[in-house]
Amino acid sequence: MTKYGPLDNYVPVHRKESGLSYKDMSVLLGLGGHSAVAHYEGDSVPKDLERAIAFELIFEEPVQAIFVGAAARVRQQIASRASALLEGPIGKTSAANAQKLETLARLARIDKED
């Protein structure tokens, strides 16, 4: 597989900067388990994602502007899942948890944006 830049994807970098664990990501993405998140952080890129990027490049529009209904559904699902995570136990107070709380609070409001 050809690599583009230092990393093929920056999912793990963004996950860590957001203060989110594999478990948090699994819940937010509606995946069955932690290993599914690790799969997205690896070298393989789902073909559907490559096609979505192709649509974006062809039409010179963001994917969310092309697939408006799907984007609205995904925003609602993520907001609902983030709210559920906020209602659960967060753990000890730390800088990482502060970032996690900030990220989850932002995501809980994501379906209200536009």
N, C-alpha and C. Protein backbone atom coordinates (compact mmCIF):
# COMPACT_ATOMS: atom_id res chain seq x y z
N MET A 1 0.84 -1.18 0.00
CA MET A 1 0.00 0.00 0.00
C MET A 1 0.88 1.24 0.00
N THR A 2 0.55 2.19 -0.84
CA THR A 2 1.29 3.44 -0.93
C THR A 2 0.89 4.33 0.22
N LYS A 3 1.87 4.89 0.89
CA LYS A 3 1.62 5.82 1.98
C LYS A 3 1.69 7.24 1.45
N TYR A 4 0.82 8.10 1.93
CA TYR A 4 0.80 9.50 1.53
C TYR A 4 1.14 10.33 2.76
N GLY A 5 2.32 10.87 2.80
CA GLY A 5 2.75 11.62 3.96
C GLY A 5 3.23 10.68 5.06
N PRO A 6 3.51 11.22 6.23
CA PRO A 6 4.04 10.41 7.33
C PRO A 6 3.11 9.28 7.76
N LEU A 7 1.81 9.51 7.76
CA LEU A 7 0.83 8.49 8.13
C LEU A 7 -0.21 8.37 7.03
N ASP A 8 -0.78 7.19 6.87
CA ASP A 8 -1.84 7.03 5.87
C ASP A 8 -3.14 7.66 6.35
N ASN A 9 -3.36 7.65 7.67
CA ASN A 9 -4.51 8.36 8.23
C ASN A 9 -4.14 8.88 9.62
N TYR A 10 -4.87 9.86 10.06
CA TYR A 10 -4.60 10.50 11.35
C TYR A 10 -5.70 10.25 12.37
N VAL A 11 -6.44 9.17 12.18
CA VAL A 11 -7.50 8.83 13.14
C VAL A 11 -6.94 8.67 14.55
N PRO A 12 -5.84 7.91 14.77
CA PRO A 12 -5.35 7.76 16.13
C PRO A 12 -4.89 9.08 16.76
N VAL A 13 -4.30 9.94 15.95
CA VAL A 13 -3.84 11.24 16.46
C VAL A 13 -5.05 12.06 16.94
N HIS A 14 -6.09 12.12 16.12
CA HIS A 14 -7.28 12.89 16.49
C HIS A 14 -8.00 12.26 17.67
N ARG A 15 -8.06 10.93 17.71
CA ARG A 15 -8.72 10.26 18.84
C ARG A 15 -8.03 10.63 20.14
N LYS A 16 -6.71 10.54 20.15
CA LYS A 16 -5.95 10.84 21.37
C LYS A 16 -6.07 12.31 21.76
N GLU A 17 -6.00 13.21 20.78
CA GLU A 17 -6.13 14.64 21.07
C GLU A 17 -7.52 14.99 21.60
N SER A 18 -8.51 14.19 21.23
CA SER A 18 -9.89 14.41 21.70
C SER A 18 -10.12 13.83 23.08
N GLY A 19 -9.13 13.07 23.60
CA GLY A 19 -9.26 12.46 24.92
C GLY A 19 -10.14 11.22 24.91
N LEU A 20 -10.44 10.69 23.73
CA LEU A 20 -11.35 9.55 23.61
C LEU A 20 -10.59 8.22 23.59
N SER A 21 -11.14 7.24 24.26
CA SER A 21 -10.57 5.90 24.27
C SER A 21 -11.11 5.08 23.10
N TYR A 22 -10.56 3.89 22.91
CA TYR A 22 -11.10 2.98 21.91
C TYR A 22 -12.57 2.68 22.21
N LYS A 23 -12.87 2.48 23.50
CA LYS A 23 -14.25 2.17 23.90
C LYS A 23 -15.18 3.34 23.57
N ASP A 24 -14.75 4.56 23.87
CA ASP A 24 -15.56 5.75 23.56
C ASP A 24 -15.84 5.81 22.06
N MET A 25 -14.79 5.62 21.27
CA MET A 25 -14.94 5.67 19.81
C MET A 25 -15.87 4.58 19.31
N SER A 26 -15.75 3.40 19.90
CA SER A 26 -16.61 2.29 19.51
C SER A 26 -18.08 2.64 19.74
N VAL A 27 -18.37 3.26 20.87
CA VAL A 27 -19.74 3.67 21.18
C VAL A 27 -20.19 4.76 20.21
N LEU A 28 -19.37 5.78 20.02
CA LEU A 28 -19.74 6.90 19.16
C LEU A 28 -19.98 6.47 17.71
N LEU A 29 -19.19 5.51 17.24
CA LEU A 29 -19.32 5.04 15.87
C LEU A 29 -20.37 3.94 15.70
N GLY A 30 -20.90 3.45 16.83
CA GLY A 30 -21.89 2.38 16.76
C GLY A 30 -21.28 1.07 16.32
N LEU A 31 -20.03 0.82 16.71
CA LEU A 31 -19.33 -0.40 16.34
C LEU A 31 -19.46 -1.45 17.43
N GLY A 32 -19.23 -2.67 17.06
CA GLY A 32 -19.39 -3.79 17.98
C GLY A 32 -18.34 -3.90 19.05
N GLY A 33 -17.15 -3.41 18.81
CA GLY A 33 -16.11 -3.56 19.81
C GLY A 33 -14.89 -2.72 19.52
N HIS A 34 -13.96 -2.80 20.46
CA HIS A 34 -12.74 -1.99 20.39
C HIS A 34 -11.88 -2.34 19.17
N SER A 35 -11.86 -3.61 18.79
CA SER A 35 -10.99 -4.02 17.68
C SER A 35 -11.43 -3.37 16.36
N ALA A 36 -12.71 -3.07 16.23
CA ALA A 36 -13.19 -2.40 15.02
C ALA A 36 -12.59 -1.01 14.90
N VAL A 37 -12.41 -0.32 16.01
CA VAL A 37 -11.80 1.01 15.99
C VAL A 37 -10.33 0.89 15.60
N ALA A 38 -9.65 -0.11 16.15
CA ALA A 38 -8.24 -0.33 15.81
C ALA A 38 -8.09 -0.57 14.31
N HIS A 39 -9.07 -1.23 13.72
CA HIS A 39 -9.05 -1.48 12.27
C HIS A 39 -9.02 -0.16 11.51
N TYR A 40 -9.81 0.82 11.93
CA TYR A 40 -9.83 2.12 11.27
C TYR A 40 -8.54 2.91 11.50
N GLU A 41 -7.85 2.61 12.59
CA GLU A 41 -6.59 3.29 12.87
C GLU A 41 -5.42 2.63 12.16
N GLY A 42 -5.66 1.50 11.53
CA GLY A 42 -4.60 0.78 10.82
C GLY A 42 -4.40 1.31 9.42
N ASP A 43 -3.78 0.49 8.60
CA ASP A 43 -3.43 0.90 7.24
C ASP A 43 -4.56 0.75 6.25
N SER A 44 -5.59 -0.01 6.58
CA SER A 44 -6.64 -0.24 5.58
C SER A 44 -7.66 0.90 5.61
N VAL A 45 -8.02 1.35 4.43
CA VAL A 45 -9.02 2.41 4.28
C VAL A 45 -10.24 1.77 3.63
N PRO A 46 -11.42 1.88 4.28
CA PRO A 46 -12.62 1.28 3.70
C PRO A 46 -12.91 1.84 2.30
N LYS A 47 -13.30 0.96 1.39
CA LYS A 47 -13.59 1.37 0.00
C LYS A 47 -14.70 2.42 -0.04
N ASP A 48 -15.69 2.31 0.84
CA ASP A 48 -16.76 3.32 0.87
C ASP A 48 -16.21 4.70 1.20
N LEU A 49 -15.23 4.76 2.06
CA LEU A 49 -14.61 6.04 2.39
C LEU A 49 -13.87 6.59 1.18
N GLU A 50 -13.16 5.72 0.49
CA GLU A 50 -12.47 6.17 -0.72
C GLU A 50 -13.46 6.70 -1.75
N ARG A 51 -14.61 6.05 -1.88
CA ARG A 51 -15.63 6.52 -2.82
C ARG A 51 -16.21 7.86 -2.38
N ALA A 52 -16.44 8.03 -1.07
CA ALA A 52 -16.96 9.30 -0.57
C ALA A 52 -15.97 10.43 -0.86
N ILE A 53 -14.68 10.16 -0.68
CA ILE A 53 -13.66 11.16 -1.00
C ILE A 53 -13.67 11.45 -2.49
N ALA A 54 -13.88 10.42 -3.31
CA ALA A 54 -13.94 10.62 -4.76
C ALA A 54 -15.10 11.54 -5.13
N PHE A 55 -16.29 11.33 -4.52
CA PHE A 55 -17.42 12.23 -4.77
C PHE A 55 -17.04 13.66 -4.43
N GLU A 56 -16.39 13.83 -3.27
CA GLU A 56 -16.00 15.16 -2.83
C GLU A 56 -15.05 15.82 -3.84
N LEU A 57 -14.10 15.06 -4.34
CA LEU A 57 -13.14 15.60 -5.30
C LEU A 57 -13.79 15.90 -6.65
N ILE A 58 -14.66 15.00 -7.11
CA ILE A 58 -15.33 15.18 -8.40
C ILE A 58 -16.22 16.41 -8.39
N PHE A 59 -17.04 16.55 -7.35
CA PHE A 59 -18.02 17.64 -7.29
C PHE A 59 -17.50 18.90 -6.60
N GLU A 60 -16.30 18.83 -6.03
CA GLU A 60 -15.71 19.95 -5.30
C GLU A 60 -16.65 20.49 -4.23
N GLU A 61 -17.26 19.56 -3.53
CA GLU A 61 -18.17 19.86 -2.42
C GLU A 61 -17.83 18.92 -1.27
N PRO A 62 -18.00 19.36 -0.02
CA PRO A 62 -17.77 18.47 1.11
C PRO A 62 -18.75 17.29 1.07
N VAL A 63 -18.31 16.15 1.55
CA VAL A 63 -19.14 14.94 1.57
C VAL A 63 -20.49 15.22 2.24
N GLN A 64 -20.49 15.98 3.32
CA GLN A 64 -21.74 16.27 4.02
C GLN A 64 -22.72 17.09 3.18
N ALA A 65 -22.20 17.88 2.24
CA ALA A 65 -23.07 18.65 1.36
C ALA A 65 -23.64 17.79 0.24
N ILE A 66 -22.94 16.72 -0.11
CA ILE A 66 -23.39 15.82 -1.16
C ILE A 66 -24.41 14.82 -0.60
N PHE A 67 -24.13 14.30 0.58
CA PHE A 67 -25.00 13.30 1.23
C PHE A 67 -25.68 13.94 2.44
N VAL A 68 -26.53 14.91 2.19
CA VAL A 68 -27.14 15.73 3.24
C VAL A 68 -27.97 14.89 4.22
N GLY A 69 -28.83 14.02 3.71
CA GLY A 69 -29.68 13.20 4.59
C GLY A 69 -28.86 12.27 5.46
N ALA A 70 -27.87 11.63 4.87
CA ALA A 70 -27.01 10.72 5.63
C ALA A 70 -26.25 11.50 6.70
N ALA A 71 -25.76 12.69 6.35
CA ALA A 71 -25.02 13.51 7.31
C ALA A 71 -25.91 13.89 8.49
N ALA A 72 -27.17 14.23 8.23
CA ALA A 72 -28.10 14.59 9.32
C ALA A 72 -28.34 13.39 10.23
N ARG A 73 -28.52 12.21 9.65
CA ARG A 73 -28.73 11.00 10.46
C ARG A 73 -27.51 10.69 11.32
N VAL A 74 -26.35 10.80 10.73
CA VAL A 74 -25.11 10.50 11.47
C VAL A 74 -24.91 11.52 12.59
N ARG A 75 -25.17 12.80 12.31
CA ARG A 75 -25.05 13.83 13.38
C ARG A 75 -25.97 13.50 14.54
N GLN A 76 -27.22 13.10 14.25
CA GLN A 76 -28.18 12.77 15.31
C GLN A 76 -27.71 11.55 16.10
N GLN A 77 -27.22 10.54 15.41
CA GLN A 77 -26.75 9.33 16.09
C GLN A 77 -25.56 9.63 16.99
N ILE A 78 -24.61 10.40 16.49
CA ILE A 78 -23.43 10.74 17.29
C ILE A 78 -23.83 11.58 18.50
N ALA A 79 -24.74 12.54 18.31
CA ALA A 79 -25.19 13.37 19.43
C ALA A 79 -25.85 12.51 20.51
N SER A 80 -26.66 11.58 20.09
CA SER A 80 -27.34 10.69 21.03
C SER A 80 -26.33 9.82 21.79
N ARG A 81 -25.37 9.26 21.07
CA ARG A 81 -24.36 8.40 21.70
C ARG A 81 -23.46 9.19 22.63
N ALA A 82 -23.10 10.42 22.23
CA ALA A 82 -22.26 11.27 23.08
C ALA A 82 -23.01 11.63 24.36
N SER A 83 -24.29 11.93 24.25
CA SER A 83 -25.10 12.23 25.44
C SER A 83 -25.13 11.05 26.39
N ALA A 84 -25.25 9.84 25.83
CA ALA A 84 -25.26 8.64 26.67
C ALA A 84 -23.91 8.47 27.37
N LEU A 85 -22.81 8.72 26.68
CA LEU A 85 -21.50 8.62 27.32
C LEU A 85 -21.34 9.67 28.42
N LEU A 86 -21.87 10.86 28.20
CA LEU A 86 -21.79 11.91 29.22
C LEU A 86 -22.58 11.54 30.48
N GLU A 87 -23.65 10.80 30.31
CA GLU A 87 -24.48 10.40 31.45
C GLU A 87 -23.86 9.26 32.25
N GLY A 88 -22.92 8.54 31.65
CA GLY A 88 -22.27 7.41 32.33
C GLY A 88 -21.10 7.88 33.17
N PRO A 89 -20.43 6.92 33.82
CA PRO A 89 -19.25 7.28 34.62
C PRO A 89 -18.11 7.73 33.72
N ILE A 90 -17.48 8.83 34.07
CA ILE A 90 -16.40 9.39 33.26
C ILE A 90 -15.03 8.95 33.78
N GLY A 91 -14.91 8.79 35.06
CA GLY A 91 -13.62 8.38 35.63
C GLY A 91 -12.96 9.51 36.38
N LYS A 92 -11.69 9.30 36.71
CA LYS A 92 -10.96 10.27 37.51
C LYS A 92 -10.75 11.58 36.77
N THR A 93 -10.53 12.64 37.52
CA THR A 93 -10.30 13.95 36.94
C THR A 93 -8.86 14.02 36.45
N SER A 94 -8.70 14.40 35.22
CA SER A 94 -7.38 14.56 34.63
C SER A 94 -7.51 15.47 33.42
N ALA A 95 -6.36 15.87 32.88
CA ALA A 95 -6.38 16.71 31.67
C ALA A 95 -7.02 15.96 30.52
N ALA A 96 -6.74 14.65 30.40
CA ALA A 96 -7.33 13.84 29.32
C ALA A 96 -8.84 13.77 29.48
N ASN A 97 -9.31 13.61 30.71
CA ASN A 97 -10.75 13.55 30.92
C ASN A 97 -11.41 14.90 30.67
N ALA A 98 -10.70 15.98 30.97
CA ALA A 98 -11.25 17.31 30.68
C ALA A 98 -11.45 17.45 29.17
N GLN A 99 -10.47 16.99 28.39
CA GLN A 99 -10.59 17.05 26.93
C GLN A 99 -11.71 16.13 26.46
N LYS A 100 -11.81 14.95 27.06
CA LYS A 100 -12.87 14.01 26.71
C LYS A 100 -14.24 14.63 26.98
N LEU A 101 -14.42 15.25 28.14
CA LEU A 101 -15.69 15.89 28.48
C LEU A 101 -16.03 17.01 27.50
N GLU A 102 -15.03 17.79 27.12
CA GLU A 102 -15.23 18.88 26.16
C GLU A 102 -15.65 18.31 24.80
N THR A 103 -14.98 17.25 24.38
CA THR A 103 -15.30 16.62 23.09
C THR A 103 -16.71 16.05 23.11
N LEU A 104 -17.06 15.31 24.17
CA LEU A 104 -18.39 14.70 24.25
C LEU A 104 -19.49 15.76 24.33
N ALA A 105 -19.24 16.84 25.06
CA ALA A 105 -20.23 17.93 25.15
C ALA A 105 -20.45 18.56 23.77
N ARG A 106 -19.36 18.76 23.03
CA ARG A 106 -19.47 19.31 21.66
C ARG A 106 -20.27 18.35 20.78
N LEU A 107 -19.96 17.07 20.88
CA LEU A 107 -20.66 16.09 20.05
C LEU A 107 -22.13 15.95 20.42
N ALA A 108 -22.45 16.11 21.68
CA ALA A 108 -23.84 16.01 22.13
C ALA A 108 -24.69 17.13 21.53
N ARG A 109 -24.04 18.23 21.14
CA ARG A 109 -24.76 19.36 20.53
C ARG A 109 -24.68 19.36 19.00
N ILE A 110 -23.98 18.41 18.42
CA ILE A 110 -23.67 18.45 16.99
C ILE A 110 -24.91 18.46 16.10
N ASP A 111 -25.98 17.82 16.52
CA ASP A 111 -27.19 17.78 15.67
C ASP A 111 -27.98 19.08 15.74
N LYS A 112 -27.58 19.98 16.63
CA LYS A 112 -28.27 21.28 16.76
C LYS A 112 -27.60 22.34 15.89
N GLU A 113 -26.43 21.99 15.30
CA GLU A 113 -25.66 22.95 14.49
C GLU A 113 -26.23 23.03 13.09
N ASP A 114 -26.00 24.08 12.45
CA ASP A 114 -26.30 24.33 11.03
C ASP A 114 -26.53 25.76 10.75
